[in-house]
């Protein structure tokens, strides 16, 4: 799970927040599936202003391909 531990400037990097669970966002990184949790990572609510300083865009709908899974 991502947690800022040093410095006061967070890195600016675009990710796709795909869901949430108790206390954290589930995000998909733009790198590949060998990074993090098969290309996904967890970030606590409020870390680096992810849920207060940066815009969220909500799609009208989401369709998964048959058999697709989200870790």
N, C-alpha and C. Protein backbone atom coordinates (compact mmCIF):
# COMPACT_ATOMS: atom_id res chain seq x y z
N UNK A 1 0.84 -1.17 0.00
CA UNK A 1 0.00 0.00 0.00
C UNK A 1 0.89 1.23 0.00
N UNK A 2 0.58 2.20 -0.86
CA UNK A 2 1.39 3.41 -0.95
C UNK A 2 1.14 4.31 0.25
N UNK A 3 2.23 4.83 0.78
CA UNK A 3 2.16 5.82 1.86
C UNK A 3 3.39 6.71 1.72
N UNK A 4 3.21 8.03 1.64
CA UNK A 4 4.33 8.94 1.52
C UNK A 4 5.12 8.94 2.81
N UNK A 5 6.44 8.79 2.70
CA UNK A 5 7.27 8.70 3.90
C UNK A 5 8.33 9.79 4.01
N UNK A 6 8.59 10.53 2.93
CA UNK A 6 9.61 11.56 3.00
C UNK A 6 9.26 12.71 2.06
N UNK A 7 9.75 13.90 2.39
CA UNK A 7 9.54 15.06 1.53
C UNK A 7 8.13 15.59 1.63
N UNK A 8 7.94 16.77 1.03
CA UNK A 8 6.60 17.34 1.06
C UNK A 8 6.03 17.56 -0.33
N UNK A 9 6.68 17.05 -1.36
CA UNK A 9 6.16 17.15 -2.72
C UNK A 9 5.85 15.75 -3.22
N UNK A 10 4.62 15.50 -3.51
CA UNK A 10 4.24 14.20 -4.06
C UNK A 10 4.55 14.19 -5.55
N UNK A 11 4.87 13.08 -6.06
CA UNK A 11 5.12 12.96 -7.50
C UNK A 11 3.80 13.04 -8.25
N UNK A 12 3.81 13.72 -9.36
CA UNK A 12 2.61 13.81 -10.19
C UNK A 12 2.66 12.72 -11.24
N UNK A 13 1.72 11.82 -11.16
CA UNK A 13 1.68 10.68 -12.07
C UNK A 13 0.23 10.28 -12.23
N UNK A 14 -0.24 10.15 -13.45
CA UNK A 14 -1.63 9.81 -13.70
C UNK A 14 -1.86 8.32 -13.49
N UNK A 15 -2.91 7.99 -12.74
CA UNK A 15 -3.34 6.62 -12.53
C UNK A 15 -4.85 6.58 -12.67
N UNK A 16 -5.39 5.41 -12.80
CA UNK A 16 -6.83 5.24 -12.91
C UNK A 16 -7.33 4.59 -11.63
N UNK A 17 -8.15 5.33 -10.88
CA UNK A 17 -8.75 4.78 -9.67
C UNK A 17 -9.95 3.95 -10.12
N UNK A 18 -9.91 2.65 -9.80
CA UNK A 18 -10.96 1.75 -10.29
C UNK A 18 -11.92 1.29 -9.20
N UNK A 19 -11.60 1.61 -7.95
CA UNK A 19 -12.48 1.17 -6.87
C UNK A 19 -11.95 1.60 -5.52
N UNK A 20 -12.58 1.09 -4.49
CA UNK A 20 -12.17 1.44 -3.13
C UNK A 20 -12.53 0.31 -2.19
N UNK A 21 -11.90 0.35 -1.03
CA UNK A 21 -12.18 -0.59 0.05
C UNK A 21 -12.02 0.19 1.34
N UNK A 22 -12.15 -0.44 2.45
CA UNK A 22 -12.08 0.24 3.74
C UNK A 22 -10.74 0.95 3.92
N UNK A 23 -10.73 2.27 3.73
CA UNK A 23 -9.55 3.07 3.99
C UNK A 23 -8.61 3.31 2.84
N UNK A 24 -8.87 2.73 1.67
CA UNK A 24 -7.94 2.95 0.56
C UNK A 24 -8.62 2.87 -0.80
N UNK A 25 -7.98 3.53 -1.78
CA UNK A 25 -8.39 3.46 -3.18
C UNK A 25 -7.65 2.31 -3.85
N UNK A 26 -8.28 1.69 -4.83
CA UNK A 26 -7.64 0.68 -5.67
C UNK A 26 -7.34 1.37 -7.00
N UNK A 27 -6.08 1.41 -7.39
CA UNK A 27 -5.68 2.15 -8.59
C UNK A 27 -4.91 1.27 -9.56
N UNK A 28 -5.08 1.58 -10.84
CA UNK A 28 -4.36 0.89 -11.91
C UNK A 28 -3.28 1.83 -12.40
N UNK A 29 -2.06 1.34 -12.44
CA UNK A 29 -0.96 2.15 -12.92
C UNK A 29 -0.85 2.03 -14.43
N UNK A 30 -0.14 2.96 -15.06
CA UNK A 30 0.01 2.93 -16.52
C UNK A 30 1.22 2.12 -16.96
N UNK A 31 1.95 1.55 -16.00
CA UNK A 31 3.10 0.74 -16.34
C UNK A 31 2.62 -0.65 -16.75
N UNK A 32 3.29 -1.70 -16.43
CA UNK A 32 2.84 -3.02 -16.88
C UNK A 32 2.47 -3.90 -15.70
N UNK A 33 2.01 -5.09 -16.00
CA UNK A 33 1.50 -5.98 -14.95
C UNK A 33 2.59 -6.56 -14.06
N UNK A 34 3.87 -6.34 -14.39
CA UNK A 34 4.93 -6.83 -13.51
C UNK A 34 5.18 -5.86 -12.35
N UNK A 35 4.53 -4.70 -12.36
CA UNK A 35 4.69 -3.69 -11.31
C UNK A 35 3.58 -3.84 -10.29
N UNK A 36 3.88 -3.65 -9.03
CA UNK A 36 2.86 -3.66 -7.97
C UNK A 36 2.12 -4.97 -7.87
N UNK A 37 0.80 -4.90 -7.76
CA UNK A 37 -0.05 -6.08 -7.67
C UNK A 37 -0.64 -6.30 -9.06
N UNK A 38 0.14 -6.92 -9.93
CA UNK A 38 -0.25 -7.15 -11.32
C UNK A 38 -0.66 -5.85 -12.02
N UNK A 39 0.07 -4.76 -11.76
CA UNK A 39 -0.20 -3.48 -12.39
C UNK A 39 -1.12 -2.57 -11.59
N UNK A 40 -1.62 -3.05 -10.47
CA UNK A 40 -2.51 -2.28 -9.60
C UNK A 40 -1.79 -1.95 -8.29
N UNK A 41 -2.32 -0.99 -7.53
CA UNK A 41 -1.78 -0.70 -6.21
C UNK A 41 -2.87 -0.10 -5.33
N UNK A 42 -2.60 -0.05 -4.05
CA UNK A 42 -3.52 0.51 -3.06
C UNK A 42 -2.93 1.80 -2.54
N UNK A 43 -3.78 2.81 -2.35
CA UNK A 43 -3.32 4.07 -1.79
C UNK A 43 -4.34 4.55 -0.77
N UNK A 44 -3.87 4.84 0.44
CA UNK A 44 -4.77 5.25 1.52
C UNK A 44 -5.52 6.52 1.15
N UNK A 45 -6.76 6.62 1.62
CA UNK A 45 -7.52 7.86 1.47
C UNK A 45 -6.68 9.01 2.00
N UNK A 46 -6.62 10.12 1.28
CA UNK A 46 -5.92 11.31 1.72
C UNK A 46 -4.44 11.37 1.42
N UNK A 47 -3.82 10.25 1.01
CA UNK A 47 -2.38 10.28 0.70
C UNK A 47 -2.13 11.19 -0.50
N UNK A 48 -1.22 12.09 -0.36
CA UNK A 48 -0.80 13.00 -1.44
C UNK A 48 -1.96 13.78 -2.06
N UNK A 49 -3.04 13.92 -1.33
CA UNK A 49 -4.19 14.69 -1.83
C UNK A 49 -4.93 14.00 -2.96
N UNK A 50 -4.77 12.68 -3.10
CA UNK A 50 -5.39 11.98 -4.22
C UNK A 50 -6.90 12.20 -4.29
N UNK A 51 -7.54 12.35 -3.14
CA UNK A 51 -9.00 12.51 -3.16
C UNK A 51 -9.45 13.93 -2.84
N UNK A 52 -8.50 14.88 -2.76
CA UNK A 52 -8.90 16.27 -2.48
C UNK A 52 -8.29 17.27 -3.46
N UNK A 53 -7.10 17.01 -3.97
CA UNK A 53 -6.41 17.98 -4.82
C UNK A 53 -6.46 17.64 -6.30
N UNK A 54 -6.82 16.43 -6.65
CA UNK A 54 -6.77 16.01 -8.04
C UNK A 54 -8.16 15.61 -8.52
N UNK A 55 -8.45 15.89 -9.80
CA UNK A 55 -9.81 15.63 -10.30
C UNK A 55 -10.11 14.15 -10.47
N UNK A 56 -11.35 13.80 -10.20
CA UNK A 56 -11.86 12.47 -10.49
C UNK A 56 -12.84 12.61 -11.63
N UNK A 57 -12.81 11.70 -12.58
CA UNK A 57 -13.77 11.69 -13.68
C UNK A 57 -14.53 10.38 -13.59
N UNK A 58 -15.84 10.46 -13.61
CA UNK A 58 -16.68 9.29 -13.43
C UNK A 58 -17.29 8.88 -14.77
N UNK A 59 -16.96 7.68 -15.26
CA UNK A 59 -17.54 7.22 -16.53
C UNK A 59 -19.03 6.90 -16.36
N UNK A 60 -19.76 7.02 -17.45
CA UNK A 60 -21.18 6.71 -17.42
C UNK A 60 -21.40 5.22 -17.18
N UNK A 61 -20.52 4.38 -17.72
CA UNK A 61 -20.63 2.94 -17.50
C UNK A 61 -19.27 2.30 -17.75
N UNK A 62 -19.11 1.10 -17.23
CA UNK A 62 -17.88 0.34 -17.42
C UNK A 62 -18.27 -1.06 -17.84
N UNK A 63 -17.62 -1.57 -18.89
CA UNK A 63 -17.90 -2.92 -19.36
C UNK A 63 -16.61 -3.72 -19.33
N UNK A 64 -16.63 -4.88 -18.68
CA UNK A 64 -15.49 -5.78 -18.68
C UNK A 64 -15.67 -6.82 -19.76
N UNK A 65 -14.58 -7.26 -20.34
CA UNK A 65 -14.64 -8.33 -21.31
C UNK A 65 -15.01 -9.62 -20.57
N UNK A 66 -15.74 -10.52 -21.22
CA UNK A 66 -16.08 -11.80 -20.57
C UNK A 66 -14.83 -12.50 -20.04
N UNK A 67 -14.86 -12.91 -18.81
CA UNK A 67 -13.75 -13.62 -18.19
C UNK A 67 -12.71 -12.71 -17.55
N UNK A 68 -12.84 -11.38 -17.74
CA UNK A 68 -11.87 -10.45 -17.16
C UNK A 68 -12.05 -10.40 -15.65
N UNK A 69 -10.94 -10.27 -14.95
CA UNK A 69 -10.99 -10.15 -13.49
C UNK A 69 -10.19 -8.95 -13.05
N UNK A 70 -10.54 -8.40 -11.92
CA UNK A 70 -9.80 -7.30 -11.32
C UNK A 70 -9.28 -7.82 -9.98
N UNK A 71 -7.94 -7.77 -9.79
CA UNK A 71 -7.40 -8.32 -8.55
C UNK A 71 -7.89 -7.57 -7.33
